[in-house]
Amino acid sequence: MGEIIEIECPHCKGRGHALISGGTLSDRLRAVREARGFGLRATAGAIDGLSAGGLSNIETGRSKNPSIHTIKALADIYHVSVDDLLNASDS
């Protein structure tokens, strides 16, 4: 499962910023949603074209390739970068 590490970020005006490490994209998406205290339905409802079932499928790995639009929208809602979610900086 992904791990959420909170750090202070001057650009977030006290809201904090999450660094996400480990696990799959699905694990990281679920971990950051839960760490932020967001419900599945409310989160999915904030993104055009995404149902709660669709988000659940992404978070459980049943949907292997979510669109970049969906990943970007989730990153914006969670106040994290797309890079953090994709873990692109991992070697």
Protein backbone atom coordinates (compact mmCIF):
# COMPACT_ATOMS: atom_id res chain seq x y z
CA MET A 1 0.00 0.00 0.00
CA GLY A 2 1.16 3.54 -0.66
CA GLU A 3 2.40 5.64 2.20
CA ILE A 4 1.49 9.30 2.68
CA ILE A 5 4.11 11.60 4.15
CA GLU A 6 2.83 15.11 4.95
CA ILE A 7 5.17 18.06 4.61
CA GLU A 8 4.67 21.81 4.82
CA CYS A 9 4.44 23.54 1.48
CA PRO A 10 4.55 27.35 1.25
CA HIS A 11 2.40 27.27 -1.90
CA CYS A 12 -0.45 25.41 -0.20
CA LYS A 13 -1.09 28.17 2.40
CA GLY A 14 -1.04 25.87 5.41
CA ARG A 15 -3.03 23.02 3.86
CA GLY A 16 0.07 20.84 3.74
CA HIS A 17 1.34 18.89 0.81
CA ALA A 18 1.61 15.14 0.50
CA LEU A 19 4.51 13.11 -0.71
CA ILE A 20 3.34 9.67 -1.71
CA SER A 21 5.67 6.71 -1.82
CA GLY A 22 5.49 3.01 -2.50
CA GLY A 23 2.83 0.77 -3.93
CA THR A 24 1.11 0.94 -7.27
CA LEU A 25 -0.68 3.94 -8.73
CA SER A 26 -3.91 2.37 -7.47
CA ASP A 27 -2.47 2.10 -3.95
CA ARG A 28 -1.23 5.68 -4.00
CA LEU A 29 -4.56 7.05 -5.24
CA ARG A 30 -6.50 5.29 -2.51
CA ALA A 31 -3.97 6.20 0.19
CA VAL A 32 -4.02 9.91 -0.60
CA ARG A 33 -7.84 10.01 -0.89
CA GLU A 34 -8.21 8.34 2.49
CA ALA A 35 -5.50 10.51 4.07
CA ARG A 36 -7.35 13.60 2.87
CA GLY A 37 -10.60 12.25 4.32
CA PHE A 38 -12.43 12.29 0.99
CA GLY A 39 -15.20 9.82 0.26
CA LEU A 40 -15.26 7.76 -2.92
CA ARG A 41 -18.59 9.15 -4.18
CA ALA A 42 -17.80 12.78 -3.39
CA THR A 43 -14.40 12.55 -5.06
CA ALA A 44 -15.74 10.85 -8.18
CA GLY A 45 -18.63 13.31 -8.33
CA ALA A 46 -16.20 16.21 -8.56
CA ILE A 47 -14.75 14.87 -11.83
CA ASP A 48 -16.77 15.01 -15.04
CA GLY A 49 -17.32 11.54 -16.47
CA LEU A 50 -16.06 9.60 -13.43
CA SER A 51 -18.44 7.48 -11.39
CA ALA A 52 -17.82 6.11 -7.91
CA GLY A 53 -17.57 2.67 -9.51
CA GLY A 54 -15.02 3.97 -11.99
CA LEU A 55 -12.88 5.45 -9.23
CA SER A 56 -13.20 2.23 -7.25
CA ASN A 57 -12.03 0.28 -10.30
CA ILE A 58 -9.00 2.56 -10.60
CA GLU A 59 -8.17 2.27 -6.88
CA THR A 60 -8.47 -1.51 -6.84
CA GLY A 61 -6.45 -1.97 -10.03
CA ARG A 62 -9.34 -3.35 -12.11
CA SER A 63 -8.93 -0.34 -14.39
CA LYS A 64 -5.26 -0.55 -15.32
CA ASN A 65 -4.87 2.63 -17.39
CA PRO A 66 -6.79 5.64 -16.08
CA SER A 67 -6.68 8.64 -18.42
CA ILE A 68 -4.22 11.44 -17.78
CA HIS A 69 -7.28 13.72 -17.49
CA THR A 70 -8.52 11.63 -14.55
CA ILE A 71 -5.10 11.48 -12.89
CA LYS A 72 -4.67 15.27 -13.29
CA ALA A 73 -8.15 15.93 -11.89
CA LEU A 74 -7.48 13.68 -8.88
CA ALA A 75 -4.11 15.35 -8.27
CA ASP A 76 -5.81 18.76 -8.28
CA ILE A 77 -8.51 17.62 -5.84
CA TYR A 78 -5.94 16.02 -3.52
CA HIS A 79 -3.51 18.98 -3.75
CA VAL A 80 -0.64 16.80 -4.93
CA SER A 81 1.33 16.79 -8.16
CA VAL A 82 0.77 14.34 -10.97
CA ASP A 83 4.43 13.43 -10.54
CA ASP A 84 3.76 12.51 -6.89
CA LEU A 85 0.88 10.24 -7.92
CA LEU A 86 2.80 8.61 -10.75
CA ASN A 87 5.92 8.33 -8.61
CA ALA A 88 7.89 9.35 -11.70
CA SER A 89 10.87 10.37 -9.58
CA ASP A 90 11.38 6.81 -8.29
CA SER A 91 14.39 5.02 -9.68
